[in-house]
Amino acid sequence: MTFEEFFEEWRNATPYIMAHTSGSTGEPKDILLTKEFVRRSALRTNRFFGIDKGSRLHSCVAADYIGGKMMAVRSDIASCMFTHETPSNRPLAGIVKSEEITLLAVVPSQMIHILDNIREMPLIRNVLIGGAAIPFELRRRIASSGLNAYESYGMTETASHIALRKVEEEEGLFVPLEGIRVSTDSRGCLVIDFEQGMHFTTNDMAALEGEGFKITGRYDNVIVTGGKKVSPEAVERKISHLFRGDIMIGSEPDSKWGEQVILMAEEKEPQEGVESIMKAMRSELERWEMPKNIKWGTRLPRTPNGKILRNKRAKEEKMADK
């Protein structure tokens, strides 16, 4: 879908828009979002960033995705300038240094080029990063860059983000935008309540702290090994700084423990051996969290935005075992 096609859909008489989920936590699917729900989401973000008629919004995310669609809606509601580009890992190549962007929408992988060429970039007032988790080393680079960058929490079903957190070296709290309340259910998963009475229950396990929250993992990703519950995402956060490439924690059937924790690393096995990494992991992890096997040089499946497709990887492993 082009942005021109989306604007036509947004401005027509139908009361909803079509959106497509990424499939990172389940099968991809088309869903309908009411335009009023989408409009309220856009207004919340515009108020947070102070978007008005004099602003310029620029999207490095395609109109196929909710992140791109919402940038277009925000600009339409504010009656401000909207520009966009074909998504690539060389964002802002066509924008000169003297220009100014009020709000820039990117995915984490696009931030690498921006940081590598920060002196040639236009003035960027605010950066909105979504679509995938920010790797440890990239988070540190963004935090030290001086950019006013925010990481988003949300999903297609919630019409983009419902909470934001400033990108800092240490992961802080996601703070819900105005009109949104969060709580947890009996599983410890995040529950989102919207001002207009809508209610949304996620499978994201969350820790509530004051006005904000942290996501600790996915309920449907939990590994049970020897009666102990292991959150893959929590383990990854503890040890990702030890690896040069991205990693993913998974599991394999085990006759003694039920499941055993394994680690898949995109980097190839270090020539100097793995004992130093194993020693470092033992100092960071609980005994039951330690991977029993490391699969080096594993290609992790991803969405076009760079988010790891855990379910797809699990299906591939099961097929390989047959």
Protein backbone atom coordinates (compact mmCIF):
# COMPACT_ATOMS: atom_id res chain seq x y z
CA MET A 1 0.00 0.00 0.00
CA THR A 2 1.20 3.52 -0.81
CA PHE A 3 0.59 6.52 1.42
CA GLU A 4 -1.62 7.98 -1.30
CA GLU A 5 -3.78 4.85 -1.17
CA PHE A 6 -3.91 5.00 2.61
CA PHE A 7 -4.96 8.67 2.66
CA GLU A 8 -7.78 7.77 0.27
CA GLU A 9 -8.87 5.00 2.66
CA TRP A 10 -8.55 7.27 5.71
CA ARG A 11 -10.61 10.08 4.17
CA ASN A 12 -13.41 8.01 2.64
CA ALA A 13 -16.82 7.45 4.24
CA THR A 14 -16.18 4.02 5.75
CA PRO A 15 -15.94 4.01 9.56
CA TYR A 16 -12.81 1.85 9.74
CA ILE A 17 -9.38 1.18 8.22
CA MET A 18 -7.74 -2.15 7.48
CA ALA A 19 -4.51 -3.00 9.29
CA HIS A 20 -2.23 -6.01 9.16
CA THR A 21 -0.52 -7.60 12.17
CA SER A 22 3.16 -8.52 11.85
CA GLY A 23 2.87 -12.13 12.99
CA SER A 24 5.68 -11.81 15.53
CA THR A 25 3.51 -13.29 18.30
CA GLY A 26 1.03 -15.30 16.24
CA GLU A 27 -0.24 -15.80 12.73
CA PRO A 28 -0.37 -12.57 10.66
CA LYS A 29 -3.92 -11.36 10.12
CA ASP A 30 -5.96 -8.47 8.83
CA ILE A 31 -7.96 -6.52 11.39
CA LEU A 32 -10.35 -3.58 11.27
CA LEU A 33 -9.74 -0.47 13.39
CA THR A 34 -12.45 2.14 13.75
CA LYS A 35 -11.40 5.57 12.54
CA GLU A 36 -12.50 7.14 15.80
CA PHE A 37 -10.20 4.79 17.76
CA VAL A 38 -7.33 5.60 15.37
CA ARG A 39 -8.05 9.33 15.57
CA ARG A 40 -7.89 9.30 19.38
CA SER A 41 -4.56 7.44 19.26
CA ALA A 42 -3.14 10.04 16.87
CA LEU A 43 -4.36 12.92 19.07
CA ARG A 44 -2.63 11.46 22.12
CA THR A 45 0.70 11.33 20.30
CA ASN A 46 0.28 14.78 18.79
CA ARG A 47 -0.34 16.25 22.24
CA PHE A 48 2.65 14.44 23.71
CA PHE A 49 5.06 15.78 21.06
CA GLY A 50 3.34 19.14 20.60
CA ILE A 51 2.49 18.51 16.94
CA ASP A 52 0.66 21.44 15.29
CA LYS A 53 0.20 23.07 11.88
CA GLY A 54 3.81 24.23 11.80
CA SER A 55 5.22 20.72 12.38
CA ARG A 56 6.76 18.32 9.91
CA LEU A 57 6.31 14.58 10.31
CA HIS A 58 8.51 12.18 8.36
CA SER A 59 8.03 8.42 8.13
CA CYS A 60 10.74 5.91 7.31
CA VAL A 61 8.11 3.20 7.94
CA ALA A 62 5.88 2.05 5.07
CA ALA A 63 2.13 2.64 4.89
CA ASP A 64 1.66 -1.13 5.04
CA TYR A 65 2.40 -1.02 8.76
CA ILE A 66 0.52 0.62 11.60
CA GLY A 67 3.53 2.79 12.41
CA GLY A 68 3.45 4.33 8.95
CA LYS A 69 -0.33 4.67 8.86
CA MET A 70 -0.38 6.48 12.18
CA MET A 71 2.23 9.02 11.07
CA ALA A 72 -0.05 9.87 8.14
CA VAL A 73 -3.09 10.18 10.41
CA ARG A 74 -1.22 12.39 12.89
CA SER A 75 -0.23 14.75 10.10
CA ASP A 76 -3.77 14.81 8.68
CA ILE A 77 -5.33 15.66 12.05
CA ALA A 78 -2.75 18.39 12.75
CA SER A 79 -2.95 19.73 9.15
CA CYS A 80 0.84 19.75 9.08
CA MET A 81 3.52 18.77 6.59
CA PHE A 82 3.99 15.05 6.00
CA THR A 83 6.86 13.48 4.09
CA HIS A 84 7.89 9.87 3.68
CA GLU A 85 10.39 7.68 1.91
CA THR A 86 10.80 4.13 0.69
CA PRO A 87 11.99 2.20 3.77
CA SER A 88 15.67 1.29 3.70
CA ASN A 89 18.65 1.04 6.01
CA ARG A 90 19.91 4.39 4.66
CA PRO A 91 17.12 6.66 5.94
CA LEU A 92 16.93 10.42 5.30
CA ALA A 93 19.28 10.17 2.31
CA GLY A 94 17.09 12.60 0.36
CA ILE A 95 16.76 15.23 3.08
CA VAL A 96 19.30 18.02 3.33
CA LYS A 97 20.96 19.10 6.54
CA SER A 98 19.24 22.52 6.61
CA GLU A 99 15.76 20.97 6.88
CA GLU A 100 13.96 20.27 10.15
CA ILE A 101 11.81 17.32 11.22
CA THR A 102 9.52 17.61 14.23
CA LEU A 103 8.80 13.88 14.56
CA LEU A 104 10.67 11.10 12.78
CA ALA A 105 9.35 7.51 12.76
CA VAL A 106 11.93 4.74 12.34
CA VAL A 107 12.63 1.12 13.26
CA PRO A 108 15.77 0.29 15.31
CA SER A 109 17.90 -0.91 12.38
CA GLN A 110 17.47 2.47 10.65
CA MET A 111 18.94 4.25 13.66
CA ILE A 112 22.36 2.77 12.91
CA HIS A 113 22.73 4.79 9.70
CA ILE A 114 21.40 7.93 11.37
CA LEU A 115 23.93 7.64 14.20
CA ASP A 116 26.78 6.78 11.81
CA ASN A 117 26.03 9.96 9.85
CA ILE A 118 24.68 12.17 12.62
CA ARG A 119 26.63 15.27 11.48
CA GLU A 120 24.98 15.14 8.07
CA MET A 121 21.47 14.64 9.39
CA PRO A 122 18.79 17.36 9.41
CA LEU A 123 17.63 18.82 12.72
CA ILE A 124 15.45 16.12 14.27
CA ARG A 125 13.37 17.35 17.20
CA ASN A 126 11.93 13.97 18.22
CA VAL A 127 12.52 10.37 17.16
CA LEU A 128 9.84 7.70 17.56
CA ILE A 129 11.30 4.19 17.47
CA GLY A 130 9.01 1.18 17.10
CA GLY A 131 8.51 -2.11 15.33
CA ALA A 132 11.12 -4.09 17.29
CA ALA A 133 13.14 -4.08 20.50
CA ILE A 134 16.24 -1.88 20.61
CA PRO A 135 19.43 -3.96 21.01
CA PHE A 136 21.64 -3.21 24.01
CA GLU A 137 24.56 -1.56 22.18
CA LEU A 138 22.27 0.49 19.92
CA ARG A 139 20.39 1.73 22.97
CA ARG A 140 23.65 3.03 24.43
CA ARG A 141 24.54 4.81 21.19
CA ILE A 142 21.13 6.48 20.94
CA ALA A 143 21.25 7.56 24.58
CA SER A 144 24.65 9.21 24.13
CA SER A 145 23.79 10.84 20.78
CA GLY A 146 21.83 13.77 22.21
CA LEU A 147 18.74 12.87 20.17
CA ASN A 148 15.37 13.17 21.89
CA ALA A 149 14.37 9.58 21.14
CA TYR A 150 11.45 7.57 22.45
CA GLU A 151 10.77 3.85 22.34
CA SER A 152 7.15 2.85 21.87
CA TYR A 153 5.02 0.09 23.36
CA GLY A 154 1.91 -0.98 21.53
CA MET A 155 0.64 -3.14 18.72
CA THR A 156 -1.48 -3.02 15.62
CA GLU A 157 -4.59 -3.87 17.64
CA THR A 158 -4.09 -0.78 19.85
CA ALA A 159 -3.57 1.53 16.83
CA SER A 160 0.16 1.88 17.48
CA HIS A 161 1.67 2.79 20.85
CA ILE A 162 -0.18 3.26 24.11
CA ALA A 163 2.99 4.14 26.08
CA LEU A 164 6.41 5.69 25.50
CA ARG A 165 9.75 5.74 27.28
CA LYS A 166 12.80 7.92 26.70
CA VAL A 167 15.71 5.96 25.27
CA GLU A 168 18.39 5.92 27.96
CA GLU A 169 21.34 3.61 28.65
CA GLU A 170 19.33 1.74 31.26
CA GLU A 171 15.86 0.61 30.26
CA GLY A 172 13.36 2.84 32.03
CA LEU A 173 9.60 2.61 32.43
CA PHE A 174 7.02 2.83 29.69
CA VAL A 175 4.60 5.59 30.70
CA PRO A 176 1.02 5.36 29.35
CA LEU A 177 -0.22 8.31 27.32
CA GLU A 178 -3.13 10.39 28.60
CA GLY A 179 -6.47 8.64 28.76
CA ILE A 180 -4.93 5.17 29.12
CA ARG A 181 -4.75 3.07 32.29
CA VAL A 182 -2.83 -0.17 32.70
CA SER A 183 -3.10 -3.05 35.16
CA THR A 184 -2.23 -6.75 35.20
CA ASP A 185 -4.42 -9.84 35.18
CA SER A 186 -4.10 -13.06 37.19
CA ARG A 187 -1.29 -14.24 34.88
CA GLY A 188 0.69 -11.04 35.42
CA CYS A 189 -0.06 -9.88 31.87
CA LEU A 190 -0.69 -6.27 30.91
CA VAL A 191 -4.29 -5.07 30.65
CA ILE A 192 -4.97 -1.79 28.80
CA ASP A 193 -8.05 0.35 29.43
CA PHE A 194 -8.83 3.22 27.05
CA GLU A 195 -10.68 6.41 27.95
CA GLN A 196 -13.62 5.57 25.65
CA GLY A 197 -14.29 2.33 27.52
CA MET A 198 -12.36 -0.11 25.34
CA HIS A 199 -10.49 -2.90 27.11
CA PHE A 200 -7.54 -4.90 25.77
CA THR A 201 -5.77 -7.85 27.43
CA THR A 202 -2.28 -8.74 26.20
CA ASN A 203 -0.01 -11.76 26.63
CA ASP A 204 2.86 -9.47 27.64
CA MET A 205 3.94 -10.06 31.23
CA ALA A 206 4.48 -6.75 32.96
CA ALA A 207 5.84 -5.28 36.18
CA LEU A 208 3.95 -2.16 37.27
CA GLU A 209 6.03 0.55 38.96
CA GLY A 210 4.33 3.77 39.97
CA GLU A 211 2.89 5.46 36.88
CA GLY A 212 4.72 3.17 34.46
CA PHE A 213 5.55 -0.43 33.66
CA LYS A 214 8.20 -2.73 32.25
CA ILE A 215 7.57 -5.68 29.97
CA THR A 216 9.29 -8.78 31.36
CA GLY A 217 8.37 -11.29 28.65
CA ARG A 218 5.59 -13.07 26.79
CA TYR A 219 3.31 -15.40 28.71
CA ASP A 220 3.11 -17.76 25.74
CA ASN A 221 6.93 -17.88 25.42
CA VAL A 222 7.63 -19.08 28.97
CA ILE A 223 9.89 -22.14 29.20
CA VAL A 224 9.27 -24.60 32.03
CA THR A 225 12.43 -26.50 32.91
CA GLY A 226 12.60 -28.71 35.97
CA GLY A 227 9.55 -26.94 37.39
CA LYS A 228 11.19 -23.51 37.04
CA LYS A 229 9.68 -20.88 34.72
CA VAL A 230 12.11 -19.06 32.44
CA SER A 231 11.24 -15.93 30.46
CA PRO A 232 13.31 -15.94 27.23
CA GLU A 233 13.10 -12.16 26.91
CA ALA A 234 14.34 -11.63 30.48
CA VAL A 235 17.33 -13.91 29.87
CA GLU A 236 18.13 -12.14 26.61
CA ARG A 237 18.16 -8.76 28.33
CA LYS A 238 20.63 -10.05 30.92
CA ILE A 239 23.18 -11.43 28.45
CA SER A 240 22.72 -9.68 25.09
CA HIS A 241 25.68 -7.38 25.81
CA LEU A 242 27.97 -10.43 25.73
CA PHE A 243 27.33 -11.09 22.03
CA ARG A 244 28.28 -9.16 18.90
CA GLY A 245 25.08 -10.11 17.05
CA ASP A 246 21.47 -10.70 18.03
CA ILE A 247 20.49 -13.74 20.08
CA MET A 248 17.31 -15.61 20.89
CA ILE A 249 16.57 -17.89 23.82
CA GLY A 250 14.50 -20.97 23.01
CA SER A 251 14.00 -24.50 24.26
CA GLU A 252 14.28 -28.16 23.28
CA PRO A 253 12.45 -31.19 24.73
CA ASP A 254 14.37 -32.92 27.50
CA SER A 255 13.54 -36.30 29.00
CA LYS A 256 14.67 -35.26 32.48
CA TRP A 257 13.71 -31.58 32.75
CA GLY A 258 10.76 -31.43 30.36
CA GLU A 259 12.42 -28.57 28.44
CA GLN A 260 15.98 -27.35 28.37
CA VAL A 261 17.04 -23.80 27.61
CA ILE A 262 19.03 -23.23 24.42
CA LEU A 263 20.56 -20.12 22.88
CA MET A 264 20.65 -19.23 19.18
CA ALA A 265 23.27 -16.65 18.18
CA GLU A 266 23.54 -14.97 14.79
CA GLU A 267 27.28 -14.53 15.16
CA LYS A 268 29.59 -17.43 14.31
CA GLU A 269 31.36 -19.33 17.06
CA PRO A 270 34.23 -17.17 18.36
CA GLN A 271 37.66 -18.39 17.32
CA GLU A 272 38.90 -17.91 20.86
CA GLY A 273 36.30 -20.41 22.08
CA VAL A 274 33.13 -20.06 24.09
CA GLU A 275 34.29 -20.72 27.63
CA SER A 276 34.67 -17.01 28.44
CA ILE A 277 31.10 -16.35 27.28
CA MET A 278 29.81 -19.33 29.26
CA LYS A 279 31.61 -18.06 32.36
CA ALA A 280 30.15 -14.57 31.90
CA MET A 281 26.65 -16.01 31.43
CA ARG A 282 26.95 -18.06 34.61
CA SER A 283 27.68 -14.85 36.53
CA GLU A 284 24.59 -13.14 35.06
CA LEU A 285 21.98 -15.92 35.09
CA GLU A 286 20.24 -18.17 37.57
CA ARG A 287 21.25 -21.82 37.33
CA TRP A 288 18.00 -22.83 35.63
CA GLU A 289 18.28 -19.99 33.11
CA MET A 290 21.65 -21.14 31.75
CA PRO A 291 21.52 -22.37 28.12
CA LYS A 292 22.46 -26.03 27.83
CA ASN A 293 23.34 -25.59 24.17
CA ILE A 294 24.42 -22.69 21.93
CA LYS A 295 23.62 -22.80 18.24
CA TRP A 296 26.08 -20.42 16.58
CA GLY A 297 25.54 -18.83 13.19
CA THR A 298 21.77 -19.23 13.37
CA ARG A 299 19.74 -17.04 11.03
CA LEU A 300 16.87 -15.64 13.10
CA PRO A 301 13.66 -15.03 11.12
CA ARG A 302 12.37 -11.46 11.27
CA THR A 303 9.56 -9.22 10.20
CA PRO A 304 10.45 -6.49 7.64
CA ASN A 305 10.76 -4.11 10.61
CA GLY A 306 13.40 -6.33 12.20
CA LYS A 307 11.32 -7.94 14.94
CA ILE A 308 12.28 -11.55 15.63
CA LEU A 309 9.59 -14.08 14.71
CA ARG A 310 9.77 -16.42 17.68
CA ASN A 311 6.82 -18.56 16.60
CA LYS A 312 8.28 -19.14 13.15
CA ARG A 313 11.60 -20.23 14.65
CA ALA A 314 9.82 -22.65 16.97
CA LYS A 315 7.91 -24.19 14.06
CA GLU A 316 11.11 -24.59 12.06
CA GLU A 317 12.79 -26.36 14.99
CA LYS A 318 9.84 -28.76 15.35
CA MET A 319 9.86 -29.54 11.64
CA ALA A 320 13.61 -30.22 11.77
CA ASP A 321 13.09 -32.69 14.63
CA LYS A 322 10.58 -34.81 12.65
